[in-house]
Amino acid sequence: TEPHELARDIRSVVGEKGVMVIEHPSRNVIN
């Protein structure tokens, strides 16, 4: 799973002004 796919799955529980803090290998880029 790419980090941006994970972010998409998690987005449903993030509040309107919320922040996701994702730790990942530097080789993976989140866009």
All heavy atoms as atom14 arrays in JSON, in Angstrom:
{
  "sequence": "TEPHELARDIRSVVGEKGVMVIEHPSRNVIN",
  "atom14_mask": [
    [1, 1, 1, 1, 1, 1, 1, 0, 0, 0, 0, 0, 0, 0],
    [1, 1, 1, 1, 1, 1, 1, 1, 1, 0, 0, 0, 0, 0],
    [1, 1, 1, 1, 1, 1, 1, 0, 0, 0, 0, 0, 0, 0],
    [1, 1, 1, 1, 1, 1, 1, 1, 1, 1, 0, 0, 0, 0],
    [1, 1, 1, 1, 1, 1, 1, 1, 1, 0, 0, 0, 0, 0],
    [1, 1, 1, 1, 1, 1, 1, 1, 0, 0, 0, 0, 0, 0],
    [1, 1, 1, 1, 1, 0, 0, 0, 0, 0, 0, 0, 0, 0],
    [1, 1, 1, 1, 1, 1, 1, 1, 1, 1, 1, 0, 0, 0],
    [1, 1, 1, 1, 1, 1, 1, 1, 0, 0, 0, 0, 0, 0],
    [1, 1, 1, 1, 1, 1, 1, 1, 0, 0, 0, 0, 0, 0],
    [1, 1, 1, 1, 1, 1, 1, 1, 1, 1, 1, 0, 0, 0],
    [1, 1, 1, 1, 1, 1, 0, 0, 0, 0, 0, 0, 0, 0],
    [1, 1, 1, 1, 1, 1, 1, 0, 0, 0, 0, 0, 0, 0],
    [1, 1, 1, 1, 1, 1, 1, 0, 0, 0, 0, 0, 0, 0],
    [1, 1, 1, 1, 0, 0, 0, 0, 0, 0, 0, 0, 0, 0],
    [1, 1, 1, 1, 1, 1, 1, 1, 1, 0, 0, 0, 0, 0],
    [1, 1, 1, 1, 1, 1, 1, 1, 1, 0, 0, 0, 0, 0],
    [1, 1, 1, 1, 0, 0, 0, 0, 0, 0, 0, 0, 0, 0],
    [1, 1, 1, 1, 1, 1, 1, 0, 0, 0, 0, 0, 0, 0],
    [1, 1, 1, 1, 1, 1, 1, 1, 0, 0, 0, 0, 0, 0],
    [1, 1, 1, 1, 1, 1, 1, 0, 0, 0, 0, 0, 0, 0],
    [1, 1, 1, 1, 1, 1, 1, 1, 0, 0, 0, 0, 0, 0],
    [1, 1, 1, 1, 1, 1, 1, 1, 1, 0, 0, 0, 0, 0],
    [1, 1, 1, 1, 1, 1, 1, 1, 1, 1, 0, 0, 0, 0],
    [1, 1, 1, 1, 1, 1, 1, 0, 0, 0, 0, 0, 0, 0],
    [1, 1, 1, 1, 1, 1, 0, 0, 0, 0, 0, 0, 0, 0],
    [1, 1, 1, 1, 1, 1, 1, 1, 1, 1, 1, 0, 0, 0],
    [1, 1, 1, 1, 1, 1, 1, 1, 0, 0, 0, 0, 0, 0],
    [1, 1, 1, 1, 1, 1, 1, 0, 0, 0, 0, 0, 0, 0],
    [1, 1, 1, 1, 1, 1, 1, 1, 0, 0, 0, 0, 0, 0],
    [1, 1, 1, 1, 1, 1, 1, 1, 0, 0, 0, 0, 0, 0]
  ],
  "atom14_positions": [
    [[0.84, -1.2, 0.0], [0.0, 0.0, 0.0], [0.87, 1.25, 0.0], [1.76, 1.38, 0.84], [-0.89, 0.03, 1.27], [-1.61, -1.2, 1.34], [-1.85, 1.19, 1.24], [0.0, 0.0, 0.0], [0.0, 0.0, 0.0], [0.0, 0.0, 0.0], [0.0, 0.0, 0.0], [0.0, 0.0, 0.0], [0.0, 0.0, 0.0], [0.0, 0.0, 0.0]],
    [[0.62, 2.15, -0.93], [1.34, 3.42, -0.97], [0.81, 4.33, 0.14], [-0.38, 4.26, 0.48], [1.15, 4.1, -2.33], [1.89, 3.41, -3.46], [3.4, 3.48, -3.31], [3.93, 4.52, -2.85], [4.06, 2.48, -3.63], [0.0, 0.0, 0.0], [0.0, 0.0, 0.0], [0.0, 0.0, 0.0], [0.0, 0.0, 0.0], [0.0, 0.0, 0.0]],
    [[1.67, 5.2, 0.69], [1.2, 6.1, 1.74], [-0.01, 6.95, 1.36], [-0.9, 7.19, 2.17], [2.42, 6.99, 2.03], [3.59, 6.17, 1.6], [3.09, 5.35, 0.45], [0.0, 0.0, 0.0], [0.0, 0.0, 0.0], [0.0, 0.0, 0.0], [0.0, 0.0, 0.0], [0.0, 0.0, 0.0], [0.0, 0.0, 0.0], [0.0, 0.0, 0.0]],
    [[-0.08, 7.4, 0.08], [-1.23, 8.22, -0.32], [-2.52, 7.4, -0.37], [-3.6, 7.93, -0.14], [-0.99, 8.96, -1.65], [-0.81, 8.05, -2.82], [0.42, 7.55, -3.18], [-1.7, 7.58, -3.71], [0.27, 6.79, -4.25], [-1.0, 6.78, -4.59], [0.0, 0.0, 0.0], [0.0, 0.0, 0.0], [0.0, 0.0, 0.0], [0.0, 0.0, 0.0]],
    [[-2.43, 6.09, -0.63], [-3.61, 5.22, -0.57], [-4.08, 5.08, 0.87], [-5.28, 5.1, 1.16], [-3.3, 3.84, -1.15], [-2.99, 3.85, -2.64], [-2.43, 2.52, -3.13], [-2.08, 1.66, -2.29], [-2.32, 2.36, -4.35], [0.0, 0.0, 0.0], [0.0, 0.0, 0.0], [0.0, 0.0, 0.0], [0.0, 0.0, 0.0], [0.0, 0.0, 0.0]],
    [[-3.13, 4.96, 1.78], [-3.43, 4.88, 3.2], [-4.1, 6.18, 3.65], [-5.11, 6.15, 4.36], [-2.13, 4.64, 3.97], [-2.19, 4.18, 5.4], [-3.03, 2.93, 5.56], [-0.78, 3.94, 5.92], [0.0, 0.0, 0.0], [0.0, 0.0, 0.0], [0.0, 0.0, 0.0], [0.0, 0.0, 0.0], [0.0, 0.0, 0.0], [0.0, 0.0, 0.0]],
    [[-3.57, 7.31, 3.21], [-4.16, 8.61, 3.55], [-5.6, 8.7, 3.06], [-6.48, 9.21, 3.76], [-3.32, 9.74, 2.96], [0.0, 0.0, 0.0], [0.0, 0.0, 0.0], [0.0, 0.0, 0.0], [0.0, 0.0, 0.0], [0.0, 0.0, 0.0], [0.0, 0.0, 0.0], [0.0, 0.0, 0.0], [0.0, 0.0, 0.0], [0.0, 0.0, 0.0]],
    [[-5.85, 8.18, 1.88], [-7.22, 8.21, 1.32], [-8.17, 7.4, 2.2], [-9.3, 7.82, 2.48], [-7.21, 7.67, -0.11], [-8.56, 7.79, -0.83], [-8.57, 7.09, -2.18], [-8.28, 5.68, -1.99], [-7.35, 5.01, -2.67], [-6.6, 5.6, -3.56], [-7.15, 3.72, -2.45], [0.0, 0.0, 0.0], [0.0, 0.0, 0.0], [0.0, 0.0, 0.0]],
    [[-7.71, 6.25, 2.68], [-8.54, 5.41, 3.55], [-8.82, 6.08, 4.89], [-9.9, 5.94, 5.46], [-7.86, 4.06, 3.8], [-7.75, 3.19, 2.56], [-8.45, 3.48, 1.56], [-6.94, 2.24, 2.58], [0.0, 0.0, 0.0], [0.0, 0.0, 0.0], [0.0, 0.0, 0.0], [0.0, 0.0, 0.0], [0.0, 0.0, 0.0], [0.0, 0.0, 0.0]],
    [[-7.86, 6.79, 5.4], [-7.96, 7.41, 6.73], [-8.76, 8.71, 6.7], [-9.36, 9.1, 7.69], [-6.54, 7.66, 7.3], [-5.84, 6.32, 7.5], [-6.58, 8.45, 8.59], [-4.35, 6.43, 7.7], [0.0, 0.0, 0.0], [0.0, 0.0, 0.0], [0.0, 0.0, 0.0], [0.0, 0.0, 0.0], [0.0, 0.0, 0.0], [0.0, 0.0, 0.0]],
    [[-8.8, 9.36, 5.57], [-9.42, 10.68, 5.44], [-10.84, 10.75, 6.0], [-11.27, 11.79, 6.49], [-9.4, 11.08, 3.97], [-9.63, 12.51, 3.73], [-9.38, 12.83, 2.27], [-9.66, 14.24, 2.05], [-9.43, 14.86, 0.94], [-8.89, 14.23, -0.06], [-9.72, 16.13, 0.81], [0.0, 0.0, 0.0], [0.0, 0.0, 0.0], [0.0, 0.0, 0.0]],
    [[-11.56, 9.64, 5.96], [-12.96, 9.64, 6.41], [-13.11, 9.91, 7.91], [-14.18, 10.27, 8.35], [-13.63, 8.3, 6.07], [-13.05, 7.26, 6.84], [0.0, 0.0, 0.0], [0.0, 0.0, 0.0], [0.0, 0.0, 0.0], [0.0, 0.0, 0.0], [0.0, 0.0, 0.0], [0.0, 0.0, 0.0], [0.0, 0.0, 0.0], [0.0, 0.0, 0.0]],
    [[-12.04, 9.74, 8.68], [-12.14, 9.97, 10.13], [-11.41, 11.24, 10.57], [-11.32, 11.52, 11.76], [-11.63, 8.76, 10.95], [-12.49, 7.53, 10.68], [-10.16, 8.49, 10.72], [0.0, 0.0, 0.0], [0.0, 0.0, 0.0], [0.0, 0.0, 0.0], [0.0, 0.0, 0.0], [0.0, 0.0, 0.0], [0.0, 0.0, 0.0], [0.0, 0.0, 0.0]],
    [[-10.89, 11.99, 9.62], [-10.17, 13.23, 9.95], [-11.16, 14.39, 9.92], [-11.93, 14.55, 8.97], [-9.03, 13.49, 8.94], [-8.31, 14.8, 9.26], [-8.04, 12.33, 8.94], [0.0, 0.0, 0.0], [0.0, 0.0, 0.0], [0.0, 0.0, 0.0], [0.0, 0.0, 0.0], [0.0, 0.0, 0.0], [0.0, 0.0, 0.0], [0.0, 0.0, 0.0]],
    [[-11.15, 15.17, 10.98], [-12.03, 16.33, 11.07], [-11.7, 17.37, 10.0], [-10.65, 17.31, 9.34], [0.0, 0.0, 0.0], [0.0, 0.0, 0.0], [0.0, 0.0, 0.0], [0.0, 0.0, 0.0], [0.0, 0.0, 0.0], [0.0, 0.0, 0.0], [0.0, 0.0, 0.0], [0.0, 0.0, 0.0], [0.0, 0.0, 0.0], [0.0, 0.0, 0.0]],
    [[-12.58, 18.33, 9.87], [-12.47, 19.36, 8.83], [-11.12, 20.08, 8.86], [-10.53, 20.37, 7.84], [-13.61, 20.37, 9.01], [-13.78, 21.29, 7.84], [-15.01, 22.17, 8.03], [-16.11, 21.6, 8.21], [-14.84, 23.4, 8.0], [0.0, 0.0, 0.0], [0.0, 0.0, 0.0], [0.0, 0.0, 0.0], [0.0, 0.0, 0.0], [0.0, 0.0, 0.0]],
    [[-10.63, 20.39, 10.04], [-9.35, 21.09, 10.16], [-8.26, 20.17, 10.71], [-7.24, 20.64, 11.21], [-9.52, 22.31, 11.06], [-10.47, 23.33, 10.49], [-10.46, 24.6, 11.31], [-11.54, 25.54, 10.89], [-11.36, 26.25, 9.71], [0.0, 0.0, 0.0], [0.0, 0.0, 0.0], [0.0, 0.0, 0.0], [0.0, 0.0, 0.0], [0.0, 0.0, 0.0]],
    [[-8.48, 18.88, 10.6], [-7.55, 17.9, 11.16], [-6.3, 17.7, 10.33], [-6.2, 18.14, 9.18], [0.0, 0.0, 0.0], [0.0, 0.0, 0.0], [0.0, 0.0, 0.0], [0.0, 0.0, 0.0], [0.0, 0.0, 0.0], [0.0, 0.0, 0.0], [0.0, 0.0, 0.0], [0.0, 0.0, 0.0], [0.0, 0.0, 0.0], [0.0, 0.0, 0.0]],
    [[-5.35, 17.01, 10.93], [-4.08, 16.71, 10.27], [-3.77, 15.22, 10.42], [-4.01, 14.64, 11.48], [-2.93, 17.58, 10.84], [-2.73, 17.34, 12.33], [-1.62, 17.35, 10.09], [0.0, 0.0, 0.0], [0.0, 0.0, 0.0], [0.0, 0.0, 0.0], [0.0, 0.0, 0.0], [0.0, 0.0, 0.0], [0.0, 0.0, 0.0], [0.0, 0.0, 0.0]],
    [[-3.28, 14.62, 9.34], [-2.75, 13.25, 9.38], [-1.24, 13.37, 9.45], [-0.64, 14.12, 8.67], [-3.12, 12.49, 8.11], [-4.53, 12.01, 8.04], [-4.8, 11.07, 6.51], [-5.47, 12.37, 5.46], [0.0, 0.0, 0.0], [0.0, 0.0, 0.0], [0.0, 0.0, 0.0], [0.0, 0.0, 0.0], [0.0, 0.0, 0.0], [0.0, 0.0, 0.0]],
    [[-0.63, 12.63, 10.33], [0.82, 12.61, 10.47], [1.25, 11.19, 10.12], [1.01, 10.26, 10.9], [1.26, 12.98, 11.9], [2.77, 12.98, 12.0], [0.67, 14.33, 12.3], [0.0, 0.0, 0.0], [0.0, 0.0, 0.0], [0.0, 0.0, 0.0], [0.0, 0.0, 0.0], [0.0, 0.0, 0.0], [0.0, 0.0, 0.0], [0.0, 0.0, 0.0]],
    [[1.84, 11.03, 8.93], [2.16, 9.7, 8.43], [3.68, 9.51, 8.38], [4.39, 10.25, 7.71], [1.56, 9.48, 7.02], [0.04, 9.65, 7.06], [1.95, 8.09, 6.49], [-0.64, 9.48, 5.72], [0.0, 0.0, 0.0], [0.0, 0.0, 0.0], [0.0, 0.0, 0.0], [0.0, 0.0, 0.0], [0.0, 0.0, 0.0], [0.0, 0.0, 0.0]],
    [[4.15, 8.51, 9.12], [5.56, 8.14, 9.08], [5.72, 7.06, 8.02], [4.95, 6.09, 7.98], [6.0, 7.63, 10.46], [7.49, 7.48, 10.58], [7.95, 7.18, 12.01], [7.3, 7.65, 12.96], [8.96, 6.47, 12.13], [0.0, 0.0, 0.0], [0.0, 0.0, 0.0], [0.0, 0.0, 0.0], [0.0, 0.0, 0.0], [0.0, 0.0, 0.0]],
    [[6.71, 7.25, 7.14], [6.9, 6.31, 6.04], [8.35, 6.31, 5.58], [9.1, 7.24, 5.9], [5.96, 6.67, 4.87], [6.12, 8.07, 4.37], [6.97, 8.4, 3.35], [5.54, 9.24, 4.76], [6.91, 9.7, 3.12], [6.05, 10.24, 3.96], [0.0, 0.0, 0.0], [0.0, 0.0, 0.0], [0.0, 0.0, 0.0], [0.0, 0.0, 0.0]],
    [[8.74, 5.27, 4.82], [10.1, 5.26, 4.27], [10.29, 6.47, 3.35], [9.37, 6.83, 2.6], [10.18, 3.95, 3.49], [9.08, 3.1, 4.02], [8.01, 4.04, 4.46], [0.0, 0.0, 0.0], [0.0, 0.0, 0.0], [0.0, 0.0, 0.0], [0.0, 0.0, 0.0], [0.0, 0.0, 0.0], [0.0, 0.0, 0.0], [0.0, 0.0, 0.0]],
    [[11.46, 7.06, 3.37], [11.71, 8.25, 2.55], [11.57, 7.97, 1.06], [11.27, 8.88, 0.28], [13.1, 8.83, 2.85], [13.12, 9.36, 4.15], [0.0, 0.0, 0.0], [0.0, 0.0, 0.0], [0.0, 0.0, 0.0], [0.0, 0.0, 0.0], [0.0, 0.0, 0.0], [0.0, 0.0, 0.0], [0.0, 0.0, 0.0], [0.0, 0.0, 0.0]],
    [[11.74, 6.73, 0.65], [11.6, 6.39, -0.78], [10.16, 6.54, -1.27], [9.92, 6.69, -2.45], [12.14, 4.99, -1.05], [11.27, 3.88, -0.48], [11.81, 2.49, -0.79], [10.96, 1.48, -0.24], [11.01, 1.05, 1.01], [11.88, 1.54, 1.85], [10.18, 0.11, 1.43], [0.0, 0.0, 0.0], [0.0, 0.0, 0.0], [0.0, 0.0, 0.0]],
    [[9.19, 6.47, -0.35], [7.78, 6.64, -0.71], [7.42, 8.12, -0.64], [7.65, 8.77, 0.36], [6.86, 5.88, 0.26], [7.04, 4.39, 0.18], [7.86, 3.84, 0.89], [6.29, 3.75, -0.67], [0.0, 0.0, 0.0], [0.0, 0.0, 0.0], [0.0, 0.0, 0.0], [0.0, 0.0, 0.0], [0.0, 0.0, 0.0], [0.0, 0.0, 0.0]],
    [[6.85, 8.62, -1.73], [6.46, 10.02, -1.79], [4.94, 10.1, -1.7], [4.23, 9.32, -2.34], [6.95, 10.67, -3.1], [6.48, 12.11, -3.21], [8.47, 10.59, -3.19], [0.0, 0.0, 0.0], [0.0, 0.0, 0.0], [0.0, 0.0, 0.0], [0.0, 0.0, 0.0], [0.0, 0.0, 0.0], [0.0, 0.0, 0.0], [0.0, 0.0, 0.0]],
    [[4.44, 11.03, -0.91], [2.99, 11.21, -0.8], [2.58, 12.39, -1.66], [3.09, 13.49, -1.5], [2.55, 11.46, 0.66], [2.86, 10.24, 1.52], [1.07, 11.81, 0.72], [2.43, 10.36, 2.95], [0.0, 0.0, 0.0], [0.0, 0.0, 0.0], [0.0, 0.0, 0.0], [0.0, 0.0, 0.0], [0.0, 0.0, 0.0], [0.0, 0.0, 0.0]],
    [[1.7, 12.12, -2.6], [1.13, 13.18, -3.43], [-0.38, 12.96, -3.48], [-0.87, 12.28, -4.34], [1.75, 13.19, -4.82], [1.69, 11.82, -5.49], [1.23, 10.85, -4.9], [2.15, 11.74, -6.71], [0.0, 0.0, 0.0], [0.0, 0.0, 0.0], [0.0, 0.0, 0.0], [0.0, 0.0, 0.0], [0.0, 0.0, 0.0], [0.0, 0.0, 0.0]]
  ]
}
